[in-house]
């Protein structure tokens, strides 16, 4: 064989890496907003082939097999409803999302770490109610001192967020790329501004 059998897809598969599918639950809401629920195009095609999703919108590009041609899905809807989790896992990512990716002492964005409001050396525990996002300068400034001894204050008191609250918080942080076919499905349930 001389290689002419290869399609453009085979010669440059990287061109199709950039065609993710927005995944919606059976109620037409994204499974998550941040990170946005996306599948690689291969997973979306496979799920459609296995009849696990309905394709709602498609890209212009197609993929081919010897017997089939399919347009790449850009929005898919699960046929079975996935019940959202009620409990929010205590993770670094969820903590930063709760605190809107801002230092809870000075409000800075960027290179964040986390800080125990009541230091562990003073009996503070690692929990939603005692840990906040902090920039490195504020974290160093506070150190292992009690908050009232530093002259610093919190922007808001730390607390455990609800699952729905955290999902709604994720809406404030859209990804860098939003395909136009996704827009009708991302914010349709948001409250309209007067």
N, C-alpha and C. Protein backbone atom coordinates (compact mmCIF):
# COMPACT_ATOMS: atom_id res chain seq x y z
N UNK A 1 0.85 -1.18 0.00
CA UNK A 1 0.00 0.00 0.00
C UNK A 1 0.88 1.24 0.00
N UNK A 2 0.43 2.26 -0.70
CA UNK A 2 1.25 3.46 -0.85
C UNK A 2 0.87 4.57 0.13
N UNK A 3 -0.11 4.38 1.00
CA UNK A 3 -0.47 5.40 1.98
C UNK A 3 -1.61 6.29 1.54
N UNK A 4 -2.09 6.19 0.28
CA UNK A 4 -3.18 7.04 -0.18
C UNK A 4 -4.50 6.74 0.54
N UNK A 5 -4.58 5.59 1.18
CA UNK A 5 -5.81 5.23 1.87
C UNK A 5 -6.05 6.09 3.10
N UNK A 6 -5.00 6.77 3.57
CA UNK A 6 -5.15 7.55 4.80
C UNK A 6 -5.94 8.83 4.53
N UNK A 7 -6.87 9.09 5.42
CA UNK A 7 -7.67 10.32 5.30
C UNK A 7 -6.94 11.48 5.96
N UNK A 8 -7.47 12.65 5.81
CA UNK A 8 -6.92 13.83 6.48
C UNK A 8 -6.93 13.62 7.99
N UNK A 9 -7.94 12.94 8.48
CA UNK A 9 -8.04 12.65 9.91
C UNK A 9 -6.82 11.85 10.38
N UNK A 10 -6.44 10.83 9.65
CA UNK A 10 -5.31 10.00 10.03
C UNK A 10 -4.02 10.80 9.93
N UNK A 11 -3.88 11.65 8.91
CA UNK A 11 -2.66 12.43 8.75
C UNK A 11 -2.51 13.50 9.81
N UNK A 12 -3.63 14.09 10.25
CA UNK A 12 -3.53 15.15 11.26
C UNK A 12 -4.61 14.98 12.32
N UNK A 13 -4.48 13.96 13.16
CA UNK A 13 -5.49 13.74 14.19
C UNK A 13 -5.56 14.87 15.21
N UNK A 14 -4.49 15.66 15.31
CA UNK A 14 -4.51 16.76 16.27
C UNK A 14 -5.58 17.79 15.93
N UNK A 15 -5.96 17.88 14.68
CA UNK A 15 -7.00 18.84 14.28
C UNK A 15 -8.34 18.50 14.94
N UNK A 16 -8.56 17.23 15.24
CA UNK A 16 -9.82 16.82 15.84
C UNK A 16 -9.77 16.76 17.36
N UNK A 17 -8.62 17.04 17.96
CA UNK A 17 -8.53 17.08 19.41
C UNK A 17 -9.35 18.23 19.96
N UNK A 18 -9.57 19.22 19.16
CA UNK A 18 -10.20 20.45 19.62
C UNK A 18 -11.68 20.48 19.33
N UNK A 19 -12.35 19.35 19.43
CA UNK A 19 -13.78 19.27 19.19
C UNK A 19 -14.47 18.58 20.35
N UNK A 20 -14.38 19.15 21.56
CA UNK A 20 -15.02 18.50 22.70
C UNK A 20 -16.54 18.62 22.61
N UNK A 21 -17.22 17.70 23.26
CA UNK A 21 -18.68 17.73 23.30
C UNK A 21 -19.12 18.16 24.69
N UNK A 22 -20.03 19.12 24.75
CA UNK A 22 -20.64 19.52 26.01
C UNK A 22 -21.61 18.41 26.41
N UNK A 23 -21.48 17.93 27.65
CA UNK A 23 -22.33 16.83 28.13
C UNK A 23 -23.39 17.40 29.06
N UNK A 24 -24.64 17.17 28.68
CA UNK A 24 -25.78 17.62 29.47
C UNK A 24 -26.45 16.43 30.15
N UNK A 25 -26.97 16.67 31.33
CA UNK A 25 -27.74 15.65 32.00
C UNK A 25 -29.08 15.50 31.27
N UNK A 26 -29.88 14.53 31.65
CA UNK A 26 -31.16 14.30 30.97
C UNK A 26 -32.10 15.49 31.12
N UNK A 27 -31.85 16.37 32.08
CA UNK A 27 -32.67 17.58 32.24
C UNK A 27 -32.11 18.77 31.45
N UNK A 28 -31.15 18.51 30.58
CA UNK A 28 -30.53 19.51 29.70
C UNK A 28 -29.69 20.54 30.44
N UNK A 29 -29.23 20.20 31.64
CA UNK A 29 -28.29 21.05 32.36
C UNK A 29 -26.92 20.39 32.29
N UNK A 30 -25.83 21.17 32.23
CA UNK A 30 -24.50 20.55 32.25
C UNK A 30 -24.31 19.74 33.52
N UNK A 31 -23.57 18.64 33.41
CA UNK A 31 -23.28 17.85 34.61
C UNK A 31 -22.51 18.68 35.62
N UNK A 32 -21.62 19.55 35.14
CA UNK A 32 -20.93 20.50 36.00
C UNK A 32 -20.59 21.73 35.16
N UNK A 33 -20.49 22.86 35.86
CA UNK A 33 -20.13 24.10 35.18
C UNK A 33 -18.65 24.38 35.28
N UNK A 34 -18.05 24.00 36.42
CA UNK A 34 -16.63 24.27 36.59
C UNK A 34 -16.02 23.14 37.37
N UNK A 35 -15.27 22.28 36.77
CA UNK A 35 -14.95 22.34 35.35
C UNK A 35 -16.16 21.97 34.50
N UNK A 36 -16.24 22.56 33.35
CA UNK A 36 -17.35 22.33 32.45
C UNK A 36 -17.33 20.87 32.01
N UNK A 37 -18.52 20.25 32.02
CA UNK A 37 -18.61 18.83 31.67
C UNK A 37 -18.43 18.64 30.16
N UNK A 38 -17.23 18.23 29.79
CA UNK A 38 -16.88 18.03 28.39
C UNK A 38 -16.32 16.62 28.20
N UNK A 39 -16.60 16.04 27.06
CA UNK A 39 -16.00 14.77 26.65
C UNK A 39 -15.18 15.00 25.40
N UNK A 40 -14.11 14.24 25.22
CA UNK A 40 -13.43 14.26 23.92
C UNK A 40 -14.42 13.77 22.85
N UNK A 41 -14.22 14.20 21.62
CA UNK A 41 -15.18 13.84 20.57
C UNK A 41 -15.32 12.33 20.43
N UNK A 42 -14.24 11.59 20.69
CA UNK A 42 -14.29 10.13 20.55
C UNK A 42 -15.29 9.52 21.53
N UNK A 43 -15.30 10.03 22.77
CA UNK A 43 -16.24 9.52 23.78
C UNK A 43 -17.68 9.86 23.40
N UNK A 44 -17.89 11.04 22.86
CA UNK A 44 -19.23 11.44 22.46
C UNK A 44 -19.75 10.57 21.31
N UNK A 45 -18.88 10.28 20.35
CA UNK A 45 -19.27 9.41 19.23
C UNK A 45 -19.57 8.01 19.74
N UNK A 46 -18.72 7.51 20.62
CA UNK A 46 -18.93 6.17 21.18
C UNK A 46 -20.25 6.10 21.95
N UNK A 47 -20.52 7.10 22.79
CA UNK A 47 -21.77 7.11 23.57
C UNK A 47 -22.98 7.19 22.66
N UNK A 48 -22.89 7.94 21.58
CA UNK A 48 -24.00 8.03 20.62
C UNK A 48 -24.19 6.68 19.92
N UNK A 49 -23.10 6.06 19.55
CA UNK A 49 -23.15 4.76 18.88
C UNK A 49 -23.78 3.70 19.78
N UNK A 50 -23.49 3.79 21.09
CA UNK A 50 -24.04 2.84 22.06
C UNK A 50 -25.43 3.24 22.55
N UNK A 51 -25.98 4.32 21.98
CA UNK A 51 -27.32 4.81 22.29
C UNK A 51 -27.47 5.24 23.75
N UNK A 52 -26.41 5.82 24.31
CA UNK A 52 -26.45 6.31 25.68
C UNK A 52 -26.75 7.80 25.75
N UNK A 53 -26.60 8.48 24.60
CA UNK A 53 -26.84 9.93 24.54
C UNK A 53 -27.62 10.26 23.26
N UNK A 54 -28.26 11.40 23.29
CA UNK A 54 -28.84 11.98 22.09
C UNK A 54 -27.93 13.12 21.66
N UNK A 55 -27.71 13.26 20.39
CA UNK A 55 -26.89 14.36 19.87
C UNK A 55 -27.82 15.54 19.62
N UNK A 56 -27.48 16.67 20.24
CA UNK A 56 -28.31 17.87 20.13
C UNK A 56 -27.74 18.86 19.13
N UNK A 57 -26.40 18.94 19.05
CA UNK A 57 -25.75 19.85 18.11
C UNK A 57 -24.46 19.18 17.63
N UNK A 58 -24.02 19.60 16.45
CA UNK A 58 -22.85 18.97 15.82
C UNK A 58 -21.92 20.03 15.26
N UNK A 59 -20.65 19.63 15.14
CA UNK A 59 -19.67 20.45 14.43
C UNK A 59 -19.84 20.19 12.93
N UNK A 60 -19.18 21.00 12.12
CA UNK A 60 -19.21 20.79 10.67
C UNK A 60 -18.35 19.60 10.26
N UNK A 61 -17.30 19.30 11.05
CA UNK A 61 -16.37 18.24 10.71
C UNK A 61 -17.01 16.87 10.87
N UNK A 62 -16.53 15.93 10.06
CA UNK A 62 -17.05 14.56 10.11
C UNK A 62 -15.88 13.60 10.34
N UNK A 63 -16.23 12.43 10.87
CA UNK A 63 -15.29 11.32 10.95
C UNK A 63 -15.91 10.17 10.18
N UNK A 64 -15.04 9.35 9.62
CA UNK A 64 -15.51 8.27 8.75
C UNK A 64 -14.90 6.95 9.16
N UNK A 65 -15.68 5.92 8.99
CA UNK A 65 -15.18 4.55 9.05
C UNK A 65 -15.44 3.98 7.66
N UNK A 66 -15.06 2.75 7.39
CA UNK A 66 -15.32 2.21 6.05
C UNK A 66 -16.81 2.20 5.68
N UNK A 67 -17.69 2.11 6.69
CA UNK A 67 -19.12 2.01 6.37
C UNK A 67 -19.97 3.17 6.87
N UNK A 68 -19.39 4.08 7.64
CA UNK A 68 -20.20 5.12 8.28
C UNK A 68 -19.51 6.48 8.21
N UNK A 69 -20.32 7.51 8.13
CA UNK A 69 -19.84 8.89 8.25
C UNK A 69 -20.70 9.57 9.29
N UNK A 70 -20.07 10.24 10.26
CA UNK A 70 -20.83 10.91 11.32
C UNK A 70 -20.22 12.29 11.57
N UNK A 71 -21.10 13.27 11.70
CA UNK A 71 -20.63 14.60 12.10
C UNK A 71 -20.27 14.55 13.58
N UNK A 72 -19.22 15.24 13.95
CA UNK A 72 -18.76 15.21 15.33
C UNK A 72 -19.76 15.95 16.23
N UNK A 73 -20.23 15.29 17.29
CA UNK A 73 -21.18 15.95 18.20
C UNK A 73 -20.54 17.10 18.96
N UNK A 74 -21.25 18.21 19.11
CA UNK A 74 -20.74 19.30 19.95
C UNK A 74 -21.54 19.41 21.24
N UNK A 75 -22.79 18.91 21.24
CA UNK A 75 -23.60 18.86 22.47
C UNK A 75 -24.32 17.52 22.49
N UNK A 76 -24.18 16.81 23.62
CA UNK A 76 -24.89 15.55 23.80
C UNK A 76 -25.67 15.59 25.10
N UNK A 77 -26.80 14.85 25.13
CA UNK A 77 -27.65 14.77 26.31
C UNK A 77 -27.73 13.32 26.75
N UNK A 78 -27.44 13.08 28.02
CA UNK A 78 -27.54 11.72 28.55
C UNK A 78 -28.98 11.24 28.50
N UNK A 79 -29.19 9.99 28.16
CA UNK A 79 -30.55 9.44 28.14
C UNK A 79 -31.04 9.11 29.54
N UNK A 80 -30.11 8.77 30.43
CA UNK A 80 -30.46 8.49 31.82
C UNK A 80 -30.00 9.64 32.70
N UNK A 81 -30.88 10.06 33.60
CA UNK A 81 -30.57 11.17 34.50
C UNK A 81 -29.53 10.75 35.53
N UNK A 82 -28.51 11.57 35.72
CA UNK A 82 -27.49 11.34 36.75
C UNK A 82 -27.80 12.29 37.89
N UNK A 83 -28.11 11.70 39.05
CA UNK A 83 -28.47 12.51 40.21
C UNK A 83 -27.24 13.25 40.72
N UNK A 84 -27.32 14.58 40.85
CA UNK A 84 -26.17 15.35 41.35
C UNK A 84 -25.84 14.97 42.79
N UNK A 85 -24.57 15.03 43.12
CA UNK A 85 -24.15 14.73 44.49
C UNK A 85 -24.63 15.81 45.43
N UNK A 86 -25.07 15.40 46.61
CA UNK A 86 -25.50 16.36 47.64
C UNK A 86 -24.33 16.81 48.49
N UNK A 87 -23.40 15.89 48.75
CA UNK A 87 -22.24 16.19 49.58
C UNK A 87 -21.13 16.78 48.73
N UNK A 88 -20.52 17.83 49.22
CA UNK A 88 -19.41 18.46 48.53
C UNK A 88 -18.11 17.92 49.13
N UNK A 89 -17.27 17.35 48.29
CA UNK A 89 -15.99 16.83 48.76
C UNK A 89 -15.08 17.98 49.19
N UNK A 90 -14.37 17.78 50.27
CA UNK A 90 -13.44 18.79 50.78
C UNK A 90 -12.12 18.61 50.05
N UNK A 91 -11.98 19.31 48.91
CA UNK A 91 -10.77 19.25 48.10
C UNK A 91 -10.22 20.66 47.94
N UNK A 92 -8.97 20.73 47.55
CA UNK A 92 -8.33 22.02 47.30
C UNK A 92 -9.09 22.79 46.22
N UNK A 93 -9.46 22.08 45.15
CA UNK A 93 -10.18 22.74 44.06
C UNK A 93 -11.51 23.32 44.55
N UNK A 94 -12.29 22.52 45.27
CA UNK A 94 -13.59 22.99 45.76
C UNK A 94 -13.44 24.14 46.76
N UNK A 95 -12.38 24.08 47.57
CA UNK A 95 -12.10 25.18 48.50
C UNK A 95 -11.82 26.47 47.72
N UNK A 96 -10.97 26.39 46.70
CA UNK A 96 -10.68 27.57 45.89
C UNK A 96 -11.92 28.07 45.17
N UNK A 97 -12.75 27.15 44.70
CA UNK A 97 -13.99 27.54 44.03
C UNK A 97 -14.92 28.25 45.01
N UNK A 98 -15.07 27.70 46.21
CA UNK A 98 -15.89 28.35 47.25
C UNK A 98 -15.41 29.78 47.49
N UNK A 99 -14.09 29.97 47.53
CA UNK A 99 -13.52 31.28 47.81
C UNK A 99 -13.29 32.11 46.55
N UNK A 100 -13.87 31.66 45.44
CA UNK A 100 -13.84 32.37 44.17
C UNK A 100 -12.43 32.63 43.66
N UNK A 101 -11.51 31.72 43.97
CA UNK A 101 -10.12 31.80 43.51
C UNK A 101 -9.48 33.13 43.91
N UNK A 102 -9.81 33.58 45.13
CA UNK A 102 -9.26 34.82 45.69
C UNK A 102 -8.73 34.57 47.09
N UNK A 103 -7.67 35.28 47.42
CA UNK A 103 -7.16 35.24 48.78
C UNK A 103 -8.23 35.80 49.70
N UNK A 104 -8.54 35.10 50.76
CA UNK A 104 -9.59 35.55 51.67
C UNK A 104 -9.12 36.61 52.66
N UNK A 105 -7.85 36.99 52.56
CA UNK A 105 -7.34 38.08 53.39
C UNK A 105 -7.23 39.38 52.60
N UNK A 106 -6.62 39.33 51.41
CA UNK A 106 -6.39 40.56 50.65
C UNK A 106 -7.21 40.64 49.35
N UNK A 107 -7.77 39.54 48.92
CA UNK A 107 -8.57 39.53 47.69
C UNK A 107 -7.79 39.27 46.42
N UNK A 108 -6.49 39.03 46.53
CA UNK A 108 -5.66 38.80 45.34
C UNK A 108 -6.06 37.51 44.64
N UNK A 109 -5.89 37.54 43.32
CA UNK A 109 -6.10 36.33 42.51
C UNK A 109 -4.72 35.77 42.16
N UNK A 110 -4.72 34.55 41.68
CA UNK A 110 -3.44 34.02 41.19
C UNK A 110 -2.94 32.87 42.01
N UNK A 111 -1.65 32.92 42.32
CA UNK A 111 -0.95 31.82 42.98
C UNK A 111 -1.48 31.65 44.41
N UNK A 112 -2.39 30.70 44.58
CA UNK A 112 -3.03 30.51 45.88
C UNK A 112 -2.54 29.25 46.57
N UNK A 113 -2.59 29.31 47.87
CA UNK A 113 -2.38 28.16 48.72
C UNK A 113 -3.56 28.16 49.69
N UNK A 114 -3.51 27.37 50.74
CA UNK A 114 -4.59 27.46 51.71
C UNK A 114 -4.02 27.70 53.10
N UNK A 115 -4.84 28.27 53.96
CA UNK A 115 -4.40 28.65 55.30
C UNK A 115 -5.42 28.19 56.32
N UNK A 116 -4.92 27.73 57.46
CA UNK A 116 -5.78 27.39 58.60
C UNK A 116 -6.02 28.67 59.39
N UNK A 117 -7.27 29.09 59.50
CA UNK A 117 -7.59 30.33 60.22
C UNK A 117 -7.13 30.19 61.67
N UNK A 118 -7.56 29.12 62.34
CA UNK A 118 -7.01 28.77 63.65
C UNK A 118 -5.87 27.81 63.34
N UNK A 119 -4.63 28.21 63.57
CA UNK A 119 -3.49 27.38 63.19
C UNK A 119 -3.55 25.97 63.81
N UNK A 120 -3.03 25.01 63.07
CA UNK A 120 -3.01 23.63 63.58
C UNK A 120 -2.21 23.55 64.88
N UNK A 121 -1.18 24.39 64.99
CA UNK A 121 -0.37 24.40 66.22
C UNK A 121 -1.21 24.82 67.43
N UNK A 122 -2.30 25.52 67.17
CA UNK A 122 -3.19 25.96 68.26
C UNK A 122 -4.44 25.09 68.35
N UNK A 123 -4.43 23.96 67.70
CA UNK A 123 -5.58 23.05 67.77
C UNK A 123 -6.56 23.19 66.62
N UNK A 124 -6.24 24.00 65.64
CA UNK A 124 -7.13 24.17 64.48
C UNK A 124 -7.18 22.90 63.63
N UNK A 125 -8.33 22.61 63.11
CA UNK A 125 -8.50 21.40 62.30
C UNK A 125 -8.59 21.75 60.82
N UNK A 126 -8.34 20.75 59.99
CA UNK A 126 -8.47 20.94 58.54
C UNK A 126 -9.91 20.62 58.17
N UNK A 127 -10.70 21.68 58.03
CA UNK A 127 -12.13 21.52 57.73
C UNK A 127 -12.61 22.73 56.94
N UNK A 128 -13.81 22.61 56.39
CA UNK A 128 -14.41 23.72 55.66
C UNK A 128 -14.49 24.97 56.52
N UNK A 129 -14.74 24.80 57.82
CA UNK A 129 -14.95 25.94 58.71
C UNK A 129 -13.66 26.60 59.18
N UNK A 130 -12.50 26.00 58.86
CA UNK A 130 -11.25 26.56 59.36
C UNK A 130 -10.18 26.78 58.29
N UNK A 131 -10.46 26.43 57.04
CA UNK A 131 -9.45 26.57 55.99
C UNK A 131 -9.96 27.54 54.93
N UNK A 132 -9.08 28.43 54.48
CA UNK A 132 -9.43 29.41 53.45
C UNK A 132 -8.33 29.48 52.40
N UNK A 133 -8.69 29.97 51.23
CA UNK A 133 -7.70 30.23 50.18
C UNK A 133 -6.90 31.46 50.59
N UNK A 134 -5.59 31.41 50.37
CA UNK A 134 -4.72 32.53 50.74
C UNK A 134 -3.58 32.63 49.75
N UNK A 135 -3.19 33.87 49.45
CA UNK A 135 -2.01 34.06 48.61
C UNK A 135 -0.78 33.81 49.48
N UNK A 136 0.33 33.55 48.85
CA UNK A 136 1.56 33.24 49.61
C UNK A 136 1.98 34.37 50.55
N UNK A 137 1.97 35.65 50.09
CA UNK A 137 2.37 36.72 51.02
C UNK A 137 1.49 36.79 52.27
N UNK A 138 0.17 36.65 52.11
CA UNK A 138 -0.71 36.69 53.28
C UNK A 138 -0.51 35.47 54.17
N UNK A 139 -0.31 34.32 53.54
CA UNK A 139 -0.10 33.11 54.32
C UNK A 139 1.18 33.23 55.15
N UNK A 140 2.24 33.77 54.54
CA UNK A 140 3.49 33.96 55.28
C UNK A 140 3.34 35.01 56.38
N UNK A 141 2.61 36.07 56.07
CA UNK A 141 2.41 37.15 57.05
C UNK A 141 1.64 36.64 58.27
N UNK A 142 0.62 35.83 58.02
CA UNK A 142 -0.18 35.30 59.14
C UNK A 142 0.60 34.23 59.88
N UNK A 143 1.28 33.37 59.13
CA UNK A 143 2.06 32.31 59.76
C UNK A 143 1.20 31.44 60.66
N UNK A 144 1.71 31.13 61.83
CA UNK A 144 0.97 30.28 62.78
C UNK A 144 0.38 31.10 63.91
N UNK A 145 0.14 32.38 63.62
CA UNK A 145 -0.45 33.25 64.63
C UNK A 145 -1.98 33.22 64.53
N UNK A 146 -2.62 33.54 65.63
CA UNK A 146 -4.08 33.68 65.62
C UNK A 146 -4.44 34.91 64.79
N UNK A 147 -5.54 34.86 64.13
CA UNK A 147 -5.94 35.93 63.21
C UNK A 147 -6.00 37.29 63.90
N UNK A 148 -6.55 37.37 65.11
CA UNK A 148 -6.69 38.66 65.79
C UNK A 148 -5.34 39.28 66.17
N UNK A 149 -4.28 38.48 66.18
CA UNK A 149 -2.95 39.00 66.53
C UNK A 149 -2.20 39.53 65.31
N UNK A 150 -2.77 39.36 64.11
CA UNK A 150 -2.06 39.76 62.89
C UNK A 150 -2.54 41.09 62.32
N UNK A 151 -3.70 41.55 62.77
CA UNK A 151 -4.28 42.75 62.18
C UNK A 151 -4.95 42.46 60.84
N UNK A 152 -5.03 41.19 60.48
CA UNK A 152 -5.66 40.80 59.22
C UNK A 152 -7.12 40.41 59.50
N UNK A 153 -7.93 40.44 58.45
CA UNK A 153 -9.32 39.99 58.60
C UNK A 153 -9.74 39.20 57.37
N UNK A 154 -10.75 38.41 57.56
CA UNK A 154 -11.28 37.58 56.47
C UNK A 154 -12.32 38.35 55.67
N UNK A 155 -12.33 38.13 54.38
CA UNK A 155 -13.35 38.73 53.51
C UNK A 155 -14.73 38.16 53.82
N UNK A 156 -14.78 36.87 54.13
CA UNK A 156 -16.03 36.21 54.55
C UNK A 156 -15.65 35.01 55.39
N UNK A 157 -16.50 34.66 56.34
CA UNK A 157 -16.16 33.53 57.21
C UNK A 157 -16.19 32.21 56.45
N UNK A 158 -15.26 31.32 56.75
CA UNK A 158 -15.25 30.03 56.06
C UNK A 158 -16.40 29.15 56.54
N UNK A 159 -17.00 28.42 55.58
CA UNK A 159 -18.11 27.52 55.89
C UNK A 159 -18.21 26.47 54.81
N UNK A 160 -18.91 25.40 55.11
CA UNK A 160 -19.08 24.34 54.12
C UNK A 160 -20.13 24.78 53.12
N UNK A 161 -19.81 24.78 51.82
CA UNK A 161 -20.80 25.16 50.81
C UNK A 161 -21.72 23.99 50.49
N UNK A 162 -22.92 24.31 50.03
CA UNK A 162 -23.82 23.28 49.54
C UNK A 162 -23.44 22.92 48.11
N UNK A 163 -23.86 21.75 47.66
CA UNK A 163 -23.53 21.29 46.31
C UNK A 163 -24.08 22.24 45.25
N UNK A 164 -25.32 22.67 45.39
CA UNK A 164 -25.93 23.57 44.41
C UNK A 164 -25.22 24.92 44.41
N UNK A 165 -24.86 25.40 45.59
CA UNK A 165 -24.12 26.66 45.71
C UNK A 165 -22.79 26.59 44.96
N UNK A 166 -22.08 25.49 45.12
CA UNK A 166 -20.79 25.32 44.46
C UNK A 166 -20.96 25.21 42.94
N UNK A 167 -22.02 24.50 42.50
CA UNK A 167 -22.30 24.43 41.05
C UNK A 167 -22.58 25.81 40.49
N UNK A 168 -23.37 26.61 41.21
CA UNK A 168 -23.67 27.96 40.75
C UNK A 168 -22.43 28.85 40.76
N UNK A 169 -21.55 28.63 41.73
CA UNK A 169 -20.30 29.39 41.79
C UNK A 169 -19.46 29.11 40.54
N UNK A 170 -19.49 27.86 40.08
CA UNK A 170 -18.73 27.48 38.90
C UNK A 170 -19.14 28.23 37.65
N UNK A 171 -20.36 28.70 37.60
CA UNK A 171 -20.84 29.46 36.43
C UNK A 171 -20.07 30.77 36.24
N UNK A 172 -19.49 31.28 37.30
CA UNK A 172 -18.76 32.55 37.21
C UNK A 172 -17.42 32.39 36.52
N UNK A 173 -17.00 31.14 36.28
CA UNK A 173 -15.67 30.89 35.74
C UNK A 173 -15.77 30.07 34.46
N UNK A 174 -16.26 30.66 33.37
CA UNK A 174 -16.35 29.89 32.13
C UNK A 174 -14.97 29.53 31.60
N UNK A 175 -14.87 28.42 30.89
CA UNK A 175 -13.57 28.05 30.31
C UNK A 175 -13.16 29.04 29.23
N UNK A 176 -11.92 28.93 28.81
CA UNK A 176 -11.39 29.85 27.80
C UNK A 176 -12.13 29.74 26.47
N UNK A 177 -12.60 28.55 26.15
CA UNK A 177 -13.27 28.35 24.87
C UNK A 177 -14.70 27.88 25.10
N UNK A 178 -15.65 28.59 24.54
CA UNK A 178 -17.05 28.18 24.56
C UNK A 178 -17.54 28.15 23.12
N UNK A 179 -17.85 26.97 22.63
CA UNK A 179 -18.36 26.87 21.26
C UNK A 179 -19.75 27.48 21.19
N UNK A 180 -20.08 28.14 20.09
CA UNK A 180 -21.38 28.82 19.99
C UNK A 180 -22.56 27.86 20.15
N UNK A 181 -22.38 26.59 19.81
CA UNK A 181 -23.48 25.63 19.95
C UNK A 181 -23.77 25.29 21.41
N UNK A 182 -22.88 25.66 22.32
CA UNK A 182 -23.08 25.37 23.73
C UNK A 182 -23.87 26.44 24.46
N UNK A 183 -23.89 27.64 23.93
CA UNK A 183 -24.40 28.79 24.68
C UNK A 183 -25.85 28.65 25.15
N UNK A 184 -26.69 28.07 24.32
CA UNK A 184 -28.09 27.92 24.70
C UNK A 184 -28.28 26.95 25.87
N UNK A 185 -27.29 26.13 26.14
CA UNK A 185 -27.42 25.12 27.17
C UNK A 185 -26.69 25.45 28.46
N UNK A 186 -25.85 26.46 28.45
CA UNK A 186 -25.05 26.75 29.63
C UNK A 186 -25.76 27.63 30.64
N UNK A 187 -26.48 28.61 30.20
CA UNK A 187 -27.02 29.59 31.14
C UNK A 187 -28.52 29.79 30.99
N UNK A 188 -29.22 28.82 30.43
CA UNK A 188 -30.66 28.97 30.21
C UNK A 188 -31.45 29.00 31.50
N UNK A 189 -30.91 28.41 32.57
CA UNK A 189 -31.64 28.38 33.83
C UNK A 189 -31.18 29.48 34.79
N UNK A 190 -30.31 30.37 34.30
CA UNK A 190 -29.85 31.46 35.15
C UNK A 190 -30.95 32.51 35.26
N UNK A 191 -30.98 33.17 36.42
CA UNK A 191 -31.99 34.19 36.65
C UNK A 191 -31.72 35.39 35.73
N UNK A 192 -32.75 35.89 35.09
CA UNK A 192 -32.60 37.00 34.16
C UNK A 192 -32.42 38.32 34.92
N UNK A 193 -31.60 39.19 34.37
CA UNK A 193 -31.36 40.48 34.97
C UNK A 193 -32.44 41.46 34.53
N UNK A 194 -32.90 42.29 35.42
CA UNK A 194 -33.96 43.27 35.10
C UNK A 194 -33.39 44.48 34.43
